[in-house]
Amino acid sequence: MARNGIPADVPFDHIAAVGAYGDTRYPDGTRPWQGRLAADDQSEFDKQYANWLEDTRRNDRDDIDKDARRMQDIMARNNIPANVPYDRIASPDAGRYH
């Protein structure tokens, strides 16, 4: 990990190959989402994620809900389970660049 510039606190399952540990599931029996979005959807998701982070920082409840709905629409369009955390879908630097 050090050789590749990956911080020591990154969980192994975030960097391991999808099939490396067999059939890993959440406690409720669902599988974690492992895919990527199409370029347009990824860009839009990253934009909404950055807005959501900023609105959360400012505690702007109306905009937080609006941003979450837009991210959930993209997730639904791409068949991503609702229990997948937003940060697993957003690009690694989405909050910094949008």
C-alpha atoms as a PDB file:
ATOM      1  CA  MET A   1       0.000   0.000   0.000  1.00  0.00           C
ATOM      2  CA  ALA A   2       2.799   2.414   0.887  1.00  0.00           C
ATOM      3  CA  ARG A   3       4.519   1.745  -2.426  1.00  0.00           C
ATOM      4  CA  ASN A   4       1.339   2.799  -4.232  1.00  0.00           C
ATOM      5  CA  GLY A   5       0.644   5.853  -2.068  1.00  0.00           C
ATOM      6  CA  ILE A   6      -2.398   4.328  -0.354  1.00  0.00           C
ATOM      7  CA  PRO A   7      -2.846   5.556   3.234  1.00  0.00           C
ATOM      8  CA  ALA A   8      -2.543   2.891   5.929  1.00  0.00           C
ATOM      9  CA  ASP A   9      -6.056   3.613   7.250  1.00  0.00           C
ATOM     10  CA  VAL A  10      -7.793   2.622   3.987  1.00  0.00           C
ATOM     11  CA  PRO A  11      -9.720  -0.635   4.590  1.00  0.00           C
ATOM     12  CA  PHE A  12      -8.416  -3.567   2.574  1.00  0.00           C
ATOM     13  CA  ASP A  13     -11.834  -4.235   1.035  1.00  0.00           C
ATOM     14  CA  HIS A  14     -11.738  -0.787  -0.600  1.00  0.00           C
ATOM     15  CA  ILE A  15      -8.658  -1.672  -2.631  1.00  0.00           C
ATOM     16  CA  ALA A  16      -8.896  -5.439  -3.096  1.00  0.00           C
ATOM     17  CA  ALA A  17     -10.086  -6.954  -6.348  1.00  0.00           C
ATOM     18  CA  VAL A  18     -13.840  -7.569  -6.432  1.00  0.00           C
ATOM     19  CA  GLY A  19     -13.543 -11.362  -6.249  1.00  0.00           C
ATOM     20  CA  ALA A  20     -10.567 -11.529  -3.909  1.00  0.00           C
ATOM     21  CA  TYR A  21     -12.553 -12.416  -0.792  1.00  0.00           C
ATOM     22  CA  GLY A  22     -15.304 -14.520  -2.306  1.00  0.00           C
ATOM     23  CA  ASP A  23     -18.933 -13.691  -1.656  1.00  0.00           C
ATOM     24  CA  THR A  24     -18.815 -10.861   0.874  1.00  0.00           C
ATOM     25  CA  ARG A  25     -22.182  -9.473   1.933  1.00  0.00           C
ATOM     26  CA  TYR A  26     -23.582  -6.862   4.273  1.00  0.00           C
ATOM     27  CA  PRO A  27     -25.204  -8.196   7.475  1.00  0.00           C
ATOM     28  CA  ASP A  28     -28.647  -7.839   5.853  1.00  0.00           C
ATOM     29  CA  GLY A  29     -27.601 -10.250   3.068  1.00  0.00           C
ATOM     30  CA  THR A  30     -27.187  -7.696   0.296  1.00  0.00           C
ATOM     31  CA  ARG A  31     -23.984  -7.327  -1.663  1.00  0.00           C
ATOM     32  CA  PRO A  32     -21.959  -4.107  -1.709  1.00  0.00           C
ATOM     33  CA  TRP A  33     -22.057  -2.204  -4.968  1.00  0.00           C
ATOM     34  CA  GLN A  34     -18.741  -2.579  -6.819  1.00  0.00           C
ATOM     35  CA  GLY A  35     -19.344  -0.858 -10.160  1.00  0.00           C
ATOM     36  CA  ARG A  36     -18.802   2.510 -11.761  1.00  0.00           C
ATOM     37  CA  LEU A  37     -21.261   4.856 -13.403  1.00  0.00           C
ATOM     38  CA  ALA A  38     -21.297   6.016 -17.007  1.00  0.00           C
ATOM     39  CA  ALA A  39     -19.201   9.181 -17.478  1.00  0.00           C
ATOM     40  CA  ASP A  40     -22.209  11.556 -17.605  1.00  0.00           C
ATOM     41  CA  ASP A  41     -23.867  10.003 -14.569  1.00  0.00           C
ATOM     42  CA  GLN A  42     -20.559   9.958 -12.660  1.00  0.00           C
ATOM     43  CA  SER A  43     -20.003  13.646 -13.364  1.00  0.00           C
ATOM     44  CA  GLU A  44     -23.544  14.533 -12.272  1.00  0.00           C
ATOM     45  CA  PHE A  45     -23.302  12.331  -9.176  1.00  0.00           C
ATOM     46  CA  ASP A  46     -19.963  13.910  -8.218  1.00  0.00           C
ATOM     47  CA  LYS A  47     -21.457  17.390  -8.614  1.00  0.00           C
ATOM     48  CA  GLN A  48     -24.452  16.529  -6.427  1.00  0.00           C
ATOM     49  CA  TYR A  49     -22.199  14.800  -3.893  1.00  0.00           C
ATOM     50  CA  ALA A  50     -20.006  17.917  -3.619  1.00  0.00           C
ATOM     51  CA  ASN A  51     -23.141  20.058  -3.185  1.00  0.00           C
ATOM     52  CA  TRP A  52     -24.440  17.630  -0.555  1.00  0.00           C
ATOM     53  CA  LEU A  53     -21.156  17.820   1.375  1.00  0.00           C
ATOM     54  CA  GLU A  54     -21.201  21.622   1.306  1.00  0.00           C
ATOM     55  CA  ASP A  55     -24.881  21.832   2.269  1.00  0.00           C
ATOM     56  CA  THR A  56     -24.272  19.349   5.088  1.00  0.00           C
ATOM     57  CA  ARG A  57     -21.373  21.488   6.325  1.00  0.00           C
ATOM     58  CA  ARG A  58     -23.668  24.549   6.293  1.00  0.00           C
ATOM     59  CA  ASN A  59     -26.569  22.505   7.776  1.00  0.00           C
ATOM     60  CA  ASP A  60     -28.896  23.647   4.956  1.00  0.00           C
ATOM     61  CA  ARG A  61     -31.655  21.031   5.412  1.00  0.00           C
ATOM     62  CA  ASP A  62     -33.657  21.943   2.287  1.00  0.00           C
ATOM     63  CA  ASP A  63     -30.670  21.686  -0.031  1.00  0.00           C
ATOM     64  CA  ILE A  64     -29.344  18.546   1.694  1.00  0.00           C
ATOM     65  CA  ASP A  65     -32.622  16.781   0.901  1.00  0.00           C
ATOM     66  CA  LYS A  66     -32.636  18.104  -2.682  1.00  0.00           C
ATOM     67  CA  ASP A  67     -29.058  16.892  -3.276  1.00  0.00           C
ATOM     68  CA  ALA A  68     -29.824  13.494  -1.738  1.00  0.00           C
ATOM     69  CA  ARG A  69     -32.894  13.055  -3.985  1.00  0.00           C
ATOM     70  CA  ARG A  70     -30.828  13.824  -7.077  1.00  0.00           C
ATOM     71  CA  MET A  71     -28.129  11.327  -6.044  1.00  0.00           C
ATOM     72  CA  GLN A  72     -30.795   8.717  -5.289  1.00  0.00           C
ATOM     73  CA  ASP A  73     -32.353   9.272  -8.732  1.00  0.00           C
ATOM     74  CA  ILE A  74     -28.986   8.554 -10.365  1.00  0.00           C
ATOM     75  CA  MET A  75     -28.563   5.492  -8.147  1.00  0.00           C
ATOM     76  CA  ALA A  76     -32.021   4.183  -9.088  1.00  0.00           C
ATOM     77  CA  ARG A  77     -31.366   4.778 -12.793  1.00  0.00           C
ATOM     78  CA  ASN A  78     -28.210   2.648 -12.485  1.00  0.00           C
ATOM     79  CA  ASN A  79     -29.756  -0.090 -10.298  1.00  0.00           C
ATOM     80  CA  ILE A  80     -27.542   0.765  -7.333  1.00  0.00           C
ATOM     81  CA  PRO A  81     -29.042  -0.396  -4.019  1.00  0.00           C
ATOM     82  CA  ALA A  82     -30.265   2.424  -1.783  1.00  0.00           C
ATOM     83  CA  ASN A  83     -28.082   1.215   1.109  1.00  0.00           C
ATOM     84  CA  VAL A  84     -24.826   1.945  -0.741  1.00  0.00           C
ATOM     85  CA  PRO A  85     -23.129   4.971   0.891  1.00  0.00           C
ATOM     86  CA  TYR A  86     -22.737   8.011  -1.348  1.00  0.00           C
ATOM     87  CA  ASP A  87     -18.976   8.102  -0.827  1.00  0.00           C
ATOM     88  CA  ARG A  88     -18.674   4.613  -2.367  1.00  0.00           C
ATOM     89  CA  ILE A  89     -20.193   5.941  -5.604  1.00  0.00           C
ATOM     90  CA  ALA A  90     -18.582   9.385  -5.806  1.00  0.00           C
ATOM     91  CA  SER A  91     -15.158   9.775  -7.370  1.00  0.00           C
ATOM     92  CA  PRO A  92     -12.344   9.912  -4.770  1.00  0.00           C
ATOM     93  CA  ASP A  93     -11.845  13.674  -5.143  1.00  0.00           C
ATOM     94  CA  ALA A  94     -15.451  14.639  -5.940  1.00  0.00           C
ATOM     95  CA  GLY A  95     -15.781  16.916  -2.918  1.00  0.00           C
ATOM     96  CA  ARG A  96     -12.677  18.906  -3.780  1.00  0.00           C
ATOM     97  CA  TYR A  97     -13.228  19.713  -7.435  1.00  0.00           C
ATOM     98  CA  HIS A  98     -16.919  20.537  -7.824  1.00  0.00           C
END
